[in-house]
Protein backbone atom coordinates (compact mmCIF):
# COMPACT_ATOMS: atom_id res chain seq x y z
CA MET A 1 147.76 120.26 90.65
CA LEU A 2 149.37 123.03 88.98
CA LEU A 3 149.33 126.34 90.46
CA LYS A 4 149.84 129.72 89.30
CA THR A 5 151.10 132.44 91.98
CA THR A 6 150.10 136.04 91.52
CA PHE A 7 151.79 138.35 93.78
CA ILE A 8 149.57 141.54 95.43
CA GLY A 9 150.65 144.63 96.53
CA THR A 10 154.27 146.33 96.31
CA ALA A 11 157.19 144.32 96.33
CA ALA A 12 157.44 143.65 100.49
CA ALA A 13 153.85 142.64 101.01
CA ALA A 14 154.29 140.88 97.57
CA SER A 15 156.79 137.98 100.01
CA LEU A 16 154.18 137.93 102.73
CA LEU A 17 150.77 137.82 100.81
CA LEU A 18 150.35 134.72 97.62
CA VAL A 19 147.50 134.33 95.99
CA GLN A 20 147.17 130.83 94.25
CA GLN A 21 145.19 130.61 91.03
CA PRO A 22 143.85 127.86 88.96
CA SER A 23 145.89 127.15 85.73
CA MET A 24 143.07 127.31 82.64
CA ALA A 25 144.42 123.27 81.89
CA GLU A 26 143.15 123.14 85.14
CA ALA A 27 139.86 124.87 84.92
CA ALA A 28 139.36 122.77 81.57
CA THR A 29 139.98 119.44 83.72
CA ALA A 30 137.24 120.73 85.76
CA ALA A 31 135.00 121.60 83.54
CA ILE A 32 135.26 117.70 81.66
CA ALA A 33 136.11 115.91 84.90
CA SER A 34 132.37 118.23 85.88
CA LYS A 35 130.75 116.90 82.57
CA ALA A 36 131.07 113.30 83.23
CA ASP A 37 130.02 113.18 86.19
CA ILE A 38 126.57 115.03 85.24
CA GLU A 39 126.32 112.26 83.10
CA LEU A 40 127.47 109.88 85.11
CA ILE A 41 124.32 110.99 87.58
CA GLN A 42 121.78 110.58 84.29
CA THR A 43 122.39 107.43 83.14
CA THR A 44 121.98 106.19 86.73
CA SER A 45 119.24 107.77 87.38
CA ASP A 46 118.31 106.54 83.95
CA ARG A 47 118.82 103.03 85.03
CA TYR A 48 116.61 103.44 87.81
CA ARG A 49 113.75 104.46 86.36
CA LEU A 50 114.14 101.24 83.87
CA ALA A 51 114.64 99.05 87.12
CA LEU A 52 110.96 100.29 88.04
CA LYS A 53 109.57 100.27 85.35
CA ASP A 54 107.68 96.94 86.16
CA LYS A 55 107.75 96.86 89.88
CA GLU A 56 106.14 93.72 89.99
CA LYS A 57 108.75 91.44 87.41
CA PHE A 58 111.73 93.25 89.01
CA ILE A 59 110.29 91.48 92.52
CA ALA A 60 109.06 88.66 91.47
CA ASP A 61 113.31 88.25 89.17
CA MET A 62 114.69 88.78 92.83
CA ALA A 63 112.60 86.32 94.77
CA ASN A 64 113.24 83.59 91.89
CA GLU A 65 115.22 81.30 92.78
CA GLN A 66 116.93 81.06 88.74
CA GLN A 67 117.95 84.23 89.58
CA ASP A 68 121.90 84.39 88.35
CA ILE A 69 123.67 85.65 91.66
CA THR A 70 126.81 86.90 90.04
CA THR A 71 124.87 90.00 88.64
CA SER A 72 123.37 92.68 90.02
CA PRO A 73 120.21 93.84 88.78
CA LEU A 74 120.58 97.12 90.43
CA PRO A 75 122.08 100.38 89.06
CA PRO A 76 125.82 100.96 89.75
CA GLN A 77 126.52 103.00 92.45
CA ILE A 78 127.40 106.22 92.70
CA PRO A 79 130.59 107.49 94.35
CA ALA A 80 130.57 109.99 96.88
CA ILE A 81 133.89 112.28 95.21
CA THR A 82 131.18 112.29 92.42
CA PHE A 83 128.49 114.49 94.53
CA GLN A 84 131.19 116.26 96.27
CA LYS A 85 132.81 117.57 93.02
CA LEU A 86 129.05 118.64 91.84
CA SER A 87 128.35 119.99 94.55
CA LYS A 88 129.51 123.47 93.70
CA PHE A 89 127.93 123.41 90.54
CA ALA A 90 124.19 122.64 92.38
CA HIS A 91 121.50 124.94 92.71
CA ASN A 92 118.04 125.08 94.18
CA VAL A 93 115.53 122.75 92.96
CA ASP A 94 111.70 124.47 93.12
CA GLY A 95 110.18 121.91 95.98
CA LYS A 96 112.81 119.57 96.30
CA LEU A 97 115.85 121.59 97.41
CA ASP A 98 115.54 124.91 98.71
CA ASP A 99 118.74 125.22 99.27
CA ALA A 100 121.59 124.65 97.16
CA ASP A 101 124.01 123.83 100.17
CA ASP A 102 122.01 121.05 101.20
CA PHE A 103 123.52 119.17 98.11
CA PRO A 104 125.86 117.26 100.19
CA PHE A 105 122.97 116.21 102.94
CA VAL A 106 120.85 114.77 100.21
CA ALA A 107 123.39 113.15 98.91
CA ILE A 108 124.28 111.27 101.80
CA GLU A 109 120.36 110.65 102.04
CA TYR A 110 120.84 108.84 98.64
CA ALA A 111 123.80 106.95 99.21
CA GLU A 112 121.75 105.23 102.69
CA HIS A 113 118.71 104.40 100.25
CA ALA A 114 121.06 102.99 98.00
CA GLY A 115 123.10 101.28 100.12
CA ALA A 116 119.66 99.76 101.79
CA ALA A 117 118.59 98.68 98.69
CA ARG A 118 121.78 96.50 97.90
CA ASP A 119 122.06 95.40 101.23
CA TYR A 120 118.00 93.94 101.04
CA ALA A 121 118.90 93.10 97.22
CA LYS A 122 121.82 90.25 98.72
CA LEU A 123 118.95 89.17 101.38
CA SER A 124 117.05 88.48 99.07
CA ARG A 125 119.23 86.10 97.32
CA LEU A 126 120.29 84.98 101.04
CA GLY A 127 117.08 84.20 101.97
CA ARG A 128 115.94 81.54 99.66
CA ILE A 129 119.01 79.17 101.13
CA GLY A 130 119.45 78.06 104.59
CA GLU A 131 117.50 75.96 107.72
CA ASN A 132 114.77 79.47 107.91
CA GLY A 133 115.48 80.32 103.75
CA SER A 134 111.96 80.05 101.90
CA PRO A 135 110.56 81.73 98.49
CA GLU A 136 108.67 84.16 101.36
CA VAL A 137 111.77 85.07 102.48
CA ALA A 138 113.13 85.96 99.50
CA LEU A 139 110.26 87.97 98.23
CA ASP A 140 109.90 90.07 101.61
CA TYR A 141 113.33 91.21 100.74
CA ALA A 142 113.27 91.69 97.82
CA LYS A 143 109.71 93.87 98.22
CA ARG A 144 111.54 95.95 100.88
CA CYS A 145 114.63 96.32 98.30
CA VAL A 146 112.16 98.00 95.76
CA LEU A 147 110.68 100.22 98.47
CA GLU A 148 114.67 101.78 99.02
CA LEU A 149 114.87 101.55 95.30
CA GLU A 150 112.04 104.08 94.57
CA GLU A 151 113.50 106.37 97.74
CA ALA A 152 116.89 106.40 95.92
CA SER A 153 115.64 107.41 92.92
CA VAL A 154 113.20 109.97 93.52
CA ILE A 155 116.13 111.58 95.54
CA LEU A 156 118.60 111.02 93.04
CA ASP A 157 116.20 112.79 90.36
CA THR A 158 115.95 115.52 92.83
CA LEU A 159 119.82 115.68 92.91
CA ARG A 160 119.80 115.61 89.09
CA GLN A 161 117.59 118.23 88.44
CA ALA A 162 120.25 120.37 90.79
CA VAL A 163 123.36 119.77 88.65
CA GLU A 164 121.93 119.90 85.11
CA GLN A 165 121.74 123.33 83.35
């Protein structure tokens, strides 16, 4: 982190008080990074909507024995650092996020639901195999996955609105 040092006060006080200010290059990099982070949230939010467009097909595909286990039908996980960087740009969202200071806590709630959806997706795949595996078990986990995806999608939309200008 490149920092410029500015002296405040008299020469004697200047040696004691130093204020660190970000350089212009650093500020430009932060703006570019925040734009990329906002775009990540927007594209992930759009992928949630797309995945949930036809819930019955999504559930059937997840519970299907022929499902490709190497690819995930779920949207990608958004790293926590993305939300940490964007929290300083967040603003209120009427009826959803009353205090911009709650942005990190709402992001944590999103991460919990997104993580639960991933866990249920894995359990849906595993629910078809083994001694106790069956299509019904896989279907139950797929339905639970969709419920968590819906929650994560609603919360991510709120986070998206909070950082969009």
